């Protein structure tokens, strides 16, 4: 192991990775991310119809994913289209689900 890769030399690298994994550890958030990757992006209404859960619950999960830098939202009038913006997350989800 490289010394620059050790926890003592670069704890932030490990903390950032752990935060990313924590955000993805919830099955609903993982499902949302996978769906966004498969659809190339989506709005809350489409996500709601796929998951059949309250829109407020989906919005909370989207907020967590956004705050962790996993997704971004682009506004078009009243609608926000969300998409996965983190290449590490894209690679992880592809690893898990092919």
PDB file of N, CA and C in Angstrom:
ATOM      1  N   UNK A   1       0.845  -1.181   0.000  1.00  0.00           N
ATOM      2  CA  UNK A   1       0.000   0.000   0.000  1.00  0.00           C
ATOM      3  C   UNK A   1       0.885   1.237   0.000  1.00  0.00           C
ATOM      4  N   UNK A   2       0.532   2.179  -0.832  1.00  0.00           N
ATOM      5  CA  UNK A   2       1.227   3.465  -0.877  1.00  0.00           C
ATOM      6  C   UNK A   2       0.988   4.238   0.403  1.00  0.00           C
ATOM      7  N   UNK A   3       2.008   4.946   0.897  1.00  0.00           N
ATOM      8  CA  UNK A   3       1.795   5.723   2.122  1.00  0.00           C
ATOM      9  C   UNK A   3       0.810   6.858   1.899  1.00  0.00           C
ATOM     10  N   UNK A   4       0.777   7.414   0.702  1.00  0.00           N
ATOM     11  CA  UNK A   4      -0.179   8.498   0.444  1.00  0.00           C
ATOM     12  C   UNK A   4      -1.619   7.993   0.446  1.00  0.00           C
ATOM     13  N   UNK A   5      -1.788   6.674   0.331  1.00  0.00           N
ATOM     14  CA  UNK A   5      -3.120   6.080   0.355  1.00  0.00           C
ATOM     15  C   UNK A   5      -3.533   5.617   1.744  1.00  0.00           C
ATOM     16  N   UNK A   6      -2.663   5.754   2.723  1.00  0.00           N
ATOM     17  CA  UNK A   6      -2.998   5.282   4.066  1.00  0.00           C
ATOM     18  C   UNK A   6      -3.955   6.241   4.754  1.00  0.00           C
ATOM     19  N   UNK A   7      -4.678   5.712   5.703  1.00  0.00           N
ATOM     20  CA  UNK A   7      -5.652   6.526   6.437  1.00  0.00           C
ATOM     21  C   UNK A   7      -4.956   7.662   7.180  1.00  0.00           C
ATOM     22  N   UNK A   8      -3.807   7.386   7.754  1.00  0.00           N
ATOM     23  CA  UNK A   8      -3.095   8.412   8.517  1.00  0.00           C
ATOM     24  C   UNK A   8      -2.627   9.554   7.631  1.00  0.00           C
ATOM     25  N   UNK A   9      -2.266   9.249   6.407  1.00  0.00           N
ATOM     26  CA  UNK A   9      -1.783  10.280   5.483  1.00  0.00           C
ATOM     27  C   UNK A   9      -2.916  11.047   4.803  1.00  0.00           C
ATOM     28  N   UNK A  10      -4.036  10.378   4.601  1.00  0.00           N
ATOM     29  CA  UNK A  10      -5.132  11.019   3.863  1.00  0.00           C
ATOM     30  C   UNK A  10      -6.490  10.557   4.397  1.00  0.00           C
ATOM     31  N   UNK A  11      -6.832  10.941   5.637  1.00  0.00           N
ATOM     32  CA  UNK A  11      -8.113  10.479   6.200  1.00  0.00           C
ATOM     33  C   UNK A  11      -9.325  10.998   5.432  1.00  0.00           C
ATOM     34  N   UNK A  12      -9.231  12.166   4.824  1.00  0.00           N
ATOM     35  CA  UNK A  12     -10.367  12.746   4.095  1.00  0.00           C
ATOM     36  C   UNK A  12     -10.802  11.838   2.949  1.00  0.00           C
ATOM     37  N   UNK A  13      -9.850  11.210   2.289  1.00  0.00           N
ATOM     38  CA  UNK A  13     -10.173  10.295   1.190  1.00  0.00           C
ATOM     39  C   UNK A  13     -11.078   9.167   1.696  1.00  0.00           C
ATOM     40  N   UNK A  14     -10.771   8.629   2.860  1.00  0.00           N
ATOM     41  CA  UNK A  14     -11.557   7.542   3.434  1.00  0.00           C
ATOM     42  C   UNK A  14     -12.904   8.042   3.957  1.00  0.00           C
ATOM     43  N   UNK A  15     -12.914   9.233   4.543  1.00  0.00           N
ATOM     44  CA  UNK A  15     -14.161   9.812   5.043  1.00  0.00           C
ATOM     45  C   UNK A  15     -15.115  10.097   3.895  1.00  0.00           C
ATOM     46  N   UNK A  16     -14.592  10.645   2.794  1.00  0.00           N
ATOM     47  CA  UNK A  16     -15.429  10.930   1.628  1.00  0.00           C
ATOM     48  C   UNK A  16     -16.016   9.648   1.038  1.00  0.00           C
ATOM     49  N   UNK A  17     -15.188   8.611   0.937  1.00  0.00           N
ATOM     50  CA  UNK A  17     -15.666   7.334   0.397  1.00  0.00           C
ATOM     51  C   UNK A  17     -16.739   6.736   1.309  1.00  0.00           C
ATOM     52  N   UNK A  18     -16.531   6.836   2.624  1.00  0.00           N
ATOM     53  CA  UNK A  18     -17.506   6.291   3.570  1.00  0.00           C
ATOM     54  C   UNK A  18     -18.840   7.029   3.468  1.00  0.00           C
ATOM     55  N   UNK A  19     -18.812   8.351   3.318  1.00  0.00           N
ATOM     56  CA  UNK A  19     -20.047   9.132   3.170  1.00  0.00           C
ATOM     57  C   UNK A  19     -20.803   8.730   1.903  1.00  0.00           C
ATOM     58  N   UNK A  20     -20.069   8.532   0.837  1.00  0.00           N
ATOM     59  CA  UNK A  20     -20.681   8.108  -0.422  1.00  0.00           C
ATOM     60  C   UNK A  20     -21.349   6.743  -0.264  1.00  0.00           C
ATOM     61  N   UNK A  21     -20.645   5.822   0.369  1.00  0.00           N
ATOM     62  CA  UNK A  21     -21.196   4.484   0.577  1.00  0.00           C
ATOM     63  C   UNK A  21     -22.388   4.511   1.527  1.00  0.00           C
ATOM     64  N   UNK A  22     -22.345   5.375   2.536  1.00  0.00           N
ATOM     65  CA  UNK A  22     -23.492   5.498   3.458  1.00  0.00           C
ATOM     66  C   UNK A  22     -24.728   5.978   2.718  1.00  0.00           C
ATOM     67  N   UNK A  23     -24.543   6.951   1.835  1.00  0.00           N
ATOM     68  CA  UNK A  23     -25.687   7.477   1.079  1.00  0.00           C
ATOM     69  C   UNK A  23     -26.286   6.400   0.187  1.00  0.00           C
ATOM     70  N   UNK A  24     -25.444   5.552  -0.371  1.00  0.00           N
ATOM     71  CA  UNK A  24     -25.924   4.491  -1.257  1.00  0.00           C
ATOM     72  C   UNK A  24     -26.424   3.267  -0.503  1.00  0.00           C
ATOM     73  N   UNK A  25     -26.182   3.218   0.801  1.00  0.00           N
ATOM     74  CA  UNK A  25     -26.512   2.015   1.562  1.00  0.00           C
ATOM     75  C   UNK A  25     -28.013   1.840   1.796  1.00  0.00           C
ATOM     76  N   UNK A  26     -28.800   2.876   1.588  1.00  0.00           N
ATOM     77  CA  UNK A  26     -30.248   2.742   1.735  1.00  0.00           C
ATOM     78  C   UNK A  26     -30.813   2.149   0.441  1.00  0.00           C
ATOM     79  N   UNK A  27     -31.605   1.075   0.526  1.00  0.00           N
ATOM     80  CA  UNK A  27     -32.084   0.421  -0.696  1.00  0.00           C
ATOM     81  C   UNK A  27     -32.911   1.320  -1.613  1.00  0.00           C
ATOM     82  N   UNK A  28     -33.671   2.241  -1.057  1.00  0.00           N
ATOM     83  CA  UNK A  28     -34.465   3.146  -1.904  1.00  0.00           C
ATOM     84  C   UNK A  28     -33.552   4.090  -2.675  1.00  0.00           C
ATOM     85  N   UNK A  29     -32.542   4.632  -1.996  1.00  0.00           N
ATOM     86  CA  UNK A  29     -31.607   5.524  -2.695  1.00  0.00           C
ATOM     87  C   UNK A  29     -30.836   4.772  -3.764  1.00  0.00           C
ATOM     88  N   UNK A  30     -30.449   3.544  -3.475  1.00  0.00           N
ATOM     89  CA  UNK A  30     -29.753   2.737  -4.474  1.00  0.00           C
ATOM     90  C   UNK A  30     -30.657   2.480  -5.674  1.00  0.00           C
ATOM     91  N   UNK A  31     -31.919   2.213  -5.415  1.00  0.00           N
ATOM     92  CA  UNK A  31     -32.898   2.002  -6.483  1.00  0.00           C
ATOM     93  C   UNK A  31     -33.081   3.275  -7.319  1.00  0.00           C
ATOM     94  N   UNK A  32     -33.150   4.416  -6.651  1.00  0.00           N
ATOM     95  CA  UNK A  32     -33.294   5.695  -7.365  1.00  0.00           C
ATOM     96  C   UNK A  32     -32.097   5.918  -8.275  1.00  0.00           C
ATOM     97  N   UNK A  33     -30.894   5.711  -7.748  1.00  0.00           N
ATOM     98  CA  UNK A  33     -29.684   5.933  -8.537  1.00  0.00           C
ATOM     99  C   UNK A  33     -29.646   4.985  -9.734  1.00  0.00           C
ATOM    100  N   UNK A  34     -29.968   3.727  -9.496  1.00  0.00           N
ATOM    101  CA  UNK A  34     -29.984   2.767 -10.597  1.00  0.00           C
ATOM    102  C   UNK A  34     -31.000   3.183 -11.671  1.00  0.00           C
ATOM    103  N   UNK A  35     -32.178   3.594 -11.231  1.00  0.00           N
ATOM    104  CA  UNK A  35     -33.197   4.044 -12.174  1.00  0.00           C
ATOM    105  C   UNK A  35     -32.772   5.269 -12.959  1.00  0.00           C
ATOM    106  N   UNK A  36     -32.126   6.213 -12.282  1.00  0.00           N
ATOM    107  CA  UNK A  36     -31.656   7.410 -12.978  1.00  0.00           C
ATOM    108  C   UNK A  36     -30.616   7.055 -14.033  1.00  0.00           C
ATOM    109  N   UNK A  37     -29.746   6.115 -13.707  1.00  0.00           N
ATOM    110  CA  UNK A  37     -28.738   5.689 -14.683  1.00  0.00           C
ATOM    111  C   UNK A  37     -29.390   4.995 -15.875  1.00  0.00           C
ATOM    112  N   UNK A  38     -30.364   4.143 -15.610  1.00  0.00           N
ATOM    113  CA  UNK A  38     -31.038   3.410 -16.692  1.00  0.00           C
ATOM    114  C   UNK A  38     -31.854   4.339 -17.590  1.00  0.00           C
ATOM    115  N   UNK A  39     -32.469   5.373 -16.989  1.00  0.00           N
ATOM    116  CA  UNK A  39     -33.326   6.283 -17.762  1.00  0.00           C
ATOM    117  C   UNK A  39     -32.566   7.491 -18.306  1.00  0.00           C
ATOM    118  N   UNK A  40     -31.340   7.678 -17.834  1.00  0.00           N
ATOM    119  CA  UNK A  40     -30.585   8.852 -18.263  1.00  0.00           C
ATOM    120  C   UNK A  40     -31.058  10.123 -17.592  1.00  0.00           C
ATOM    121  N   UNK A  41     -31.784   9.992 -16.489  1.00  0.00           N
ATOM    122  CA  UNK A  41     -32.318  11.141 -15.755  1.00  0.00           C
ATOM    123  C   UNK A  41     -33.826  11.048 -15.659  1.00  0.00           C
ATOM    124  N   UNK A  42     -34.380  11.730 -14.649  1.00  0.00           N
ATOM    125  CA  UNK A  42     -35.830  11.677 -14.454  1.00  0.00           C
ATOM    126  C   UNK A  42     -36.266  12.774 -13.493  1.00  0.00           C
ATOM    127  N   UNK A  43     -37.564  13.033 -13.484  1.00  0.00           N
ATOM    128  CA  UNK A  43     -38.117  13.988 -12.522  1.00  0.00           C
ATOM    129  C   UNK A  43     -38.782  13.223 -11.373  1.00  0.00           C
ATOM    130  N   UNK A  44     -39.187  13.948 -10.345  1.00  0.00           N
ATOM    131  CA  UNK A  44     -39.759  13.323  -9.150  1.00  0.00           C
ATOM    132  C   UNK A  44     -41.046  12.568  -9.484  1.00  0.00           C
ATOM    133  N   UNK A  45     -41.843  13.095 -10.375  1.00  0.00           N
ATOM    134  CA  UNK A  45     -43.109  12.449 -10.729  1.00  0.00           C
ATOM    135  C   UNK A  45     -42.871  11.060 -11.327  1.00  0.00           C
ATOM    136  N   UNK A  46     -41.906  10.949 -12.226  1.00  0.00           N
ATOM    137  CA  UNK A  46     -41.599   9.640 -12.820  1.00  0.00           C
ATOM    138  C   UNK A  46     -41.033   8.679 -11.781  1.00  0.00           C
ATOM    139  N   UNK A  47     -40.159   9.184 -10.919  1.00  0.00           N
ATOM    140  CA  UNK A  47     -39.588   8.346  -9.869  1.00  0.00           C
ATOM    141  C   UNK A  47     -40.702   7.870  -8.938  1.00  0.00           C
ATOM    142  N   UNK A  48     -41.617   8.779  -8.613  1.00  0.00           N
ATOM    143  CA  UNK A  48     -42.758   8.455  -7.746  1.00  0.00           C
ATOM    144  C   UNK A  48     -43.591   7.325  -8.339  1.00  0.00           C
ATOM    145  N   UNK A  49     -43.872   7.399  -9.627  1.00  0.00           N
ATOM    146  CA  UNK A  49     -44.707   6.365 -10.254  1.00  0.00           C
ATOM    147  C   UNK A  49     -43.987   5.018 -10.305  1.00  0.00           C
ATOM    148  N   UNK A  50     -42.663   5.023 -10.384  1.00  0.00           N
ATOM    149  CA  UNK A  50     -41.899   3.765 -10.397  1.00  0.00           C
ATOM    150  C   UNK A  50     -41.824   3.134  -9.010  1.00  0.00           C
ATOM    151  N   UNK A  51     -41.660   3.955  -7.986  1.00  0.00           N
ATOM    152  CA  UNK A  51     -41.449   3.428  -6.639  1.00  0.00           C
ATOM    153  C   UNK A  51     -42.735   3.274  -5.833  1.00  0.00           C
ATOM    154  N   UNK A  52     -43.796   3.989  -6.243  1.00  0.00           N
ATOM    155  CA  UNK A  52     -45.068   3.930  -5.534  1.00  0.00           C
ATOM    156  C   UNK A  52     -44.913   4.250  -4.042  1.00  0.00           C
ATOM    157  N   UNK A  53     -44.224   5.338  -3.745  1.00  0.00           N
ATOM    158  CA  UNK A  53     -44.084   5.836  -2.373  1.00  0.00           C
ATOM    159  C   UNK A  53     -44.451   7.308  -2.369  1.00  0.00           C
ATOM    160  N   UNK A  54     -44.680   7.855  -1.185  1.00  0.00           N
ATOM    161  CA  UNK A  54     -45.021   9.283  -1.119  1.00  0.00           C
ATOM    162  C   UNK A  54     -43.933  10.158  -1.750  1.00  0.00           C
ATOM    163  N   UNK A  55     -44.380  11.169  -2.454  1.00  0.00           N
ATOM    164  CA  UNK A  55     -43.450  12.070  -3.127  1.00  0.00           C
ATOM    165  C   UNK A  55     -42.525  12.757  -2.127  1.00  0.00           C
ATOM    166  N   UNK A  56     -43.019  13.021  -0.921  1.00  0.00           N
ATOM    167  CA  UNK A  56     -42.186  13.664   0.098  1.00  0.00           C
ATOM    168  C   UNK A  56     -41.026  12.756   0.511  1.00  0.00           C
ATOM    169  N   UNK A  57     -41.267  11.449   0.571  1.00  0.00           N
ATOM    170  CA  UNK A  57     -40.217  10.487   0.904  1.00  0.00           C
ATOM    171  C   UNK A  57     -39.154  10.471  -0.184  1.00  0.00           C
ATOM    172  N   UNK A  58     -39.594  10.447  -1.428  1.00  0.00           N
ATOM    173  CA  UNK A  58     -38.662  10.449  -2.556  1.00  0.00           C
ATOM    174  C   UNK A  58     -37.845  11.734  -2.545  1.00  0.00           C
ATOM    175  N   UNK A  59     -38.489  12.865  -2.270  1.00  0.00           N
ATOM    176  CA  UNK A  59     -37.780  14.141  -2.225  1.00  0.00           C
ATOM    177  C   UNK A  59     -36.704  14.149  -1.147  1.00  0.00           C
ATOM    178  N   UNK A  60     -36.978  13.528  -0.007  1.00  0.00           N
ATOM    179  CA  UNK A  60     -35.970  13.446   1.062  1.00  0.00           C
ATOM    180  C   UNK A  60     -34.768  12.621   0.611  1.00  0.00           C
ATOM    181  N   UNK A  61     -35.028  11.517  -0.064  1.00  0.00           N
ATOM    182  CA  UNK A  61     -33.929  10.691  -0.564  1.00  0.00           C
ATOM    183  C   UNK A  61     -33.130  11.434  -1.637  1.00  0.00           C
ATOM    184  N   UNK A  62     -33.825  12.146  -2.509  1.00  0.00           N
ATOM    185  CA  UNK A  62     -33.133  12.929  -3.541  1.00  0.00           C
ATOM    186  C   UNK A  62     -32.266  14.009  -2.906  1.00  0.00           C
ATOM    187  N   UNK A  63     -32.761  14.640  -1.850  1.00  0.00           N
ATOM    188  CA  UNK A  63     -31.987  15.681  -1.165  1.00  0.00           C
ATOM    189  C   UNK A  63     -30.702  15.104  -0.576  1.00  0.00           C
ATOM    190  N   UNK A  64     -30.788  13.913  -0.011  1.00  0.00           N
ATOM    191  CA  UNK A  64     -29.600  13.261   0.549  1.00  0.00           C
ATOM    192  C   UNK A  64     -28.606  12.934  -0.557  1.00  0.00           C
ATOM    193  N   UNK A  65     -29.085  12.389  -1.657  1.00  0.00           N
ATOM    194  CA  UNK A  65     -28.204  12.059  -2.778  1.00  0.00           C
ATOM    195  C   UNK A  65     -27.550  13.308  -3.361  1.00  0.00           C
ATOM    196  N   UNK A  66     -28.321  14.376  -3.409  1.00  0.00           N
ATOM    197  CA  UNK A  66     -27.790  15.639  -3.945  1.00  0.00           C
ATOM    198  C   UNK A  66     -26.740  16.228  -3.008  1.00  0.00           C
ATOM    199  N   UNK A  67     -27.002  16.192  -1.704  1.00  0.00           N
ATOM    200  CA  UNK A  67     -26.057  16.768  -0.737  1.00  0.00           C
ATOM    201  C   UNK A  67     -24.741  16.001  -0.694  1.00  0.00           C
ATOM    202  N   UNK A  68     -24.772  14.734  -1.088  1.00  0.00           N
ATOM    203  CA  UNK A  68     -23.554  13.920  -1.118  1.00  0.00           C
ATOM    204  C   UNK A  68     -22.840  14.004  -2.467  1.00  0.00           C
ATOM    205  N   UNK A  69     -23.383  14.781  -3.391  1.00  0.00           N
ATOM    206  CA  UNK A  69     -22.738  14.946  -4.693  1.00  0.00           C
ATOM    207  C   UNK A  69     -22.923  13.767  -5.626  1.00  0.00           C
ATOM    208  N   UNK A  70     -23.963  12.981  -5.383  1.00  0.00           N
ATOM    209  CA  UNK A  70     -24.222  11.804  -6.209  1.00  0.00           C
ATOM    210  C   UNK A  70     -25.069  12.163  -7.421  1.00  0.00           C
ATOM    211  N   UNK A  71     -26.034  13.055  -7.210  1.00  0.00           N
ATOM    212  CA  UNK A  71     -26.907  13.480  -8.307  1.00  0.00           C
ATOM    213  C   UNK A  71     -26.907  15.009  -8.400  1.00  0.00           C
ATOM    214  N   UNK A  72     -27.344  15.486  -9.542  1.00  0.00           N
ATOM    215  CA  UNK A  72     -27.583  16.918  -9.728  1.00  0.00           C
ATOM    216  C   UNK A  72     -28.968  17.072 -10.338  1.00  0.00           C
ATOM    217  N   UNK A  73     -29.526  18.244 -10.172  1.00  0.00           N
ATOM    218  CA  UNK A  73     -30.829  18.535 -10.738  1.00  0.00           C
ATOM    219  C   UNK A  73     -30.741  19.728 -11.667  1.00  0.00           C
ATOM    220  N   UNK A  74     -31.387  19.619 -12.815  1.00  0.00           N
ATOM    221  CA  UNK A  74     -31.444  20.762 -13.732  1.00  0.00           C
ATOM    222  C   UNK A  74     -32.895  21.184 -13.882  1.00  0.00           C
ATOM    223  N   UNK A  75     -33.125  22.457 -13.631  1.00  0.00           N
ATOM    224  CA  UNK A  75     -34.485  22.996 -13.639  1.00  0.00           C
ATOM    225  C   UNK A  75     -34.885  23.430 -15.044  1.00  0.00           C
ATOM    226  N   UNK A  76     -36.118  23.058 -15.400  1.00  0.00           N
ATOM    227  CA  UNK A  76     -36.720  23.515 -16.647  1.00  0.00           C
ATOM    228  C   UNK A  76     -38.132  23.976 -16.291  1.00  0.00           C
ATOM    229  N   UNK A  77     -38.286  25.263 -16.026  1.00  0.00           N
ATOM    230  CA  UNK A  77     -39.561  25.785 -15.550  1.00  0.00           C
ATOM    231  C   UNK A  77     -39.805  25.301 -14.136  1.00  0.00           C
ATOM    232  N   UNK A  78     -40.929  24.611 -13.915  1.00  0.00           N
ATOM    233  CA  UNK A  78     -41.249  24.085 -12.593  1.00  0.00           C
ATOM    234  C   UNK A  78     -40.673  22.692 -12.356  1.00  0.00           C
ATOM    235  N   UNK A  79     -40.197  22.062 -13.410  1.00  0.00           N
ATOM    236  CA  UNK A  79     -39.732  20.676 -13.318  1.00  0.00           C
ATOM    237  C   UNK A  79     -38.216  20.615 -13.129  1.00  0.00           C
ATOM    238  N   UNK A  80     -37.786  19.701 -12.256  1.00  0.00           N
ATOM    239  CA  UNK A  80     -36.360  19.448 -12.060  1.00  0.00           C
ATOM    240  C   UNK A  80     -36.081  18.032 -12.521  1.00  0.00           C
ATOM    241  N   UNK A  81     -35.133  17.896 -13.425  1.00  0.00           N
ATOM    242  CA  UNK A  81     -34.714  16.578 -13.887  1.00  0.00           C
ATOM    243  C   UNK A  81     -33.423  16.219 -13.172  1.00  0.00           C
ATOM    244  N   UNK A  82     -33.432  15.078 -12.504  1.00  0.00           N
ATOM    245  CA  UNK A  82     -32.275  14.614 -11.749  1.00  0.00           C
ATOM    246  C   UNK A  82     -31.489  13.609 -12.568  1.00  0.00           C
ATOM    247  N   UNK A  83     -30.166  13.651 -12.423  1.00  0.00           N
ATOM    248  CA  UNK A  83     -29.309  12.675 -13.083  1.00  0.00           C
ATOM    249  C   UNK A  83     -28.096  12.404 -12.198  1.00  0.00           C
ATOM    250  N   UNK A  84     -27.485  11.258 -12.408  1.00  0.00           N
ATOM    251  CA  UNK A  84     -26.305  10.867 -11.638  1.00  0.00           C
ATOM    252  C   UNK A  84     -25.113  11.639 -12.200  1.00  0.00           C
ATOM    253  N   UNK A  85     -24.374  12.280 -11.299  1.00  0.00           N
ATOM    254  CA  UNK A  85     -23.256  13.124 -11.732  1.00  0.00           C
ATOM    255  C   UNK A  85     -21.908  12.647 -11.207  1.00  0.00           C
ATOM    256  N   UNK A  86     -21.905  11.571 -10.432  1.00  0.00           N
ATOM    257  CA  UNK A  86     -20.668  11.094  -9.834  1.00  0.00           C
ATOM    258  C   UNK A  86     -20.217   9.812 -10.559  1.00  0.00           C
ATOM    259  N   UNK A  87     -19.081   9.882 -11.262  1.00  0.00           N
ATOM    260  CA  UNK A  87     -18.629   8.712 -12.021  1.00  0.00           C
ATOM    261  C   UNK A  87     -18.285   7.497 -11.144  1.00  0.00           C
ATOM    262  N   UNK A  88     -17.859   7.727  -9.909  1.00  0.00           N
ATOM    263  CA  UNK A  88     -17.570   6.607  -9.015  1.00  0.00           C
ATOM    264  C   UNK A  88     -18.857   5.850  -8.689  1.00  0.00           C
ATOM    265  N   UNK A  89     -19.932   6.586  -8.484  1.00  0.00           N
ATOM    266  CA  UNK A  89     -21.228   5.963  -8.194  1.00  0.00           C
ATOM    267  C   UNK A  89     -21.726   5.200  -9.413  1.00  0.00           C
ATOM    268  N   UNK A  90     -21.561   5.782 -10.582  1.00  0.00           N
ATOM    269  CA  UNK A  90     -21.952   5.084 -11.809  1.00  0.00           C
ATOM    270  C   UNK A  90     -21.236   3.742 -11.908  1.00  0.00           C
ATOM    271  N   UNK A  91     -19.943   3.751 -11.652  1.00  0.00           N
ATOM    272  CA  UNK A  91     -19.147   2.517 -11.721  1.00  0.00           C
ATOM    273  C   UNK A  91     -19.604   1.504 -10.674  1.00  0.00           C
ATOM    274  N   UNK A  92     -19.887   1.978  -9.453  1.00  0.00           N
ATOM    275  CA  UNK A  92     -20.334   1.069  -8.387  1.00  0.00           C
ATOM    276  C   UNK A  92     -21.663   0.412  -8.727  1.00  0.00           C
ATOM    277  N   UNK A  93     -22.609   1.201  -9.204  1.00  0.00           N
ATOM    278  CA  UNK A  93     -23.937   0.660  -9.514  1.00  0.00           C
ATOM    279  C   UNK A  93     -23.832  -0.333 -10.675  1.00  0.00           C
ATOM    280  N   UNK A  94     -23.017  -0.019 -11.663  1.00  0.00           N
ATOM    281  CA  UNK A  94     -22.814  -0.960 -12.771  1.00  0.00           C
ATOM    282  C   UNK A  94     -22.161  -2.245 -12.279  1.00  0.00           C
ATOM    283  N   UNK A  95     -21.273  -2.129 -11.309  1.00  0.00           N
ATOM    284  CA  UNK A  95     -20.631  -3.304 -10.727  1.00  0.00           C
ATOM    285  C   UNK A  95     -21.663  -4.203 -10.038  1.00  0.00           C
ATOM    286  N   UNK A  96     -22.582  -3.580  -9.289  1.00  0.00           N
ATOM    287  CA  UNK A  96     -23.593  -4.343  -8.572  1.00  0.00           C
ATOM    288  C   UNK A  96     -24.670  -4.928  -9.474  1.00  0.00           C
ATOM    289  N   UNK A  97     -25.101  -4.158 -10.466  1.00  0.00           N
ATOM    290  CA  UNK A  97     -26.267  -4.557 -11.257  1.00  0.00           C
ATOM    291  C   UNK A  97     -25.978  -4.837 -12.729  1.00  0.00           C
ATOM    292  N   UNK A  98     -24.728  -4.753 -13.108  1.00  0.00           N
ATOM    293  CA  UNK A  98     -24.338  -5.070 -14.487  1.00  0.00           C
ATOM    294  C   UNK A  98     -24.667  -4.023 -15.491  1.00  0.00           C
TER     295      UNK A  98
END
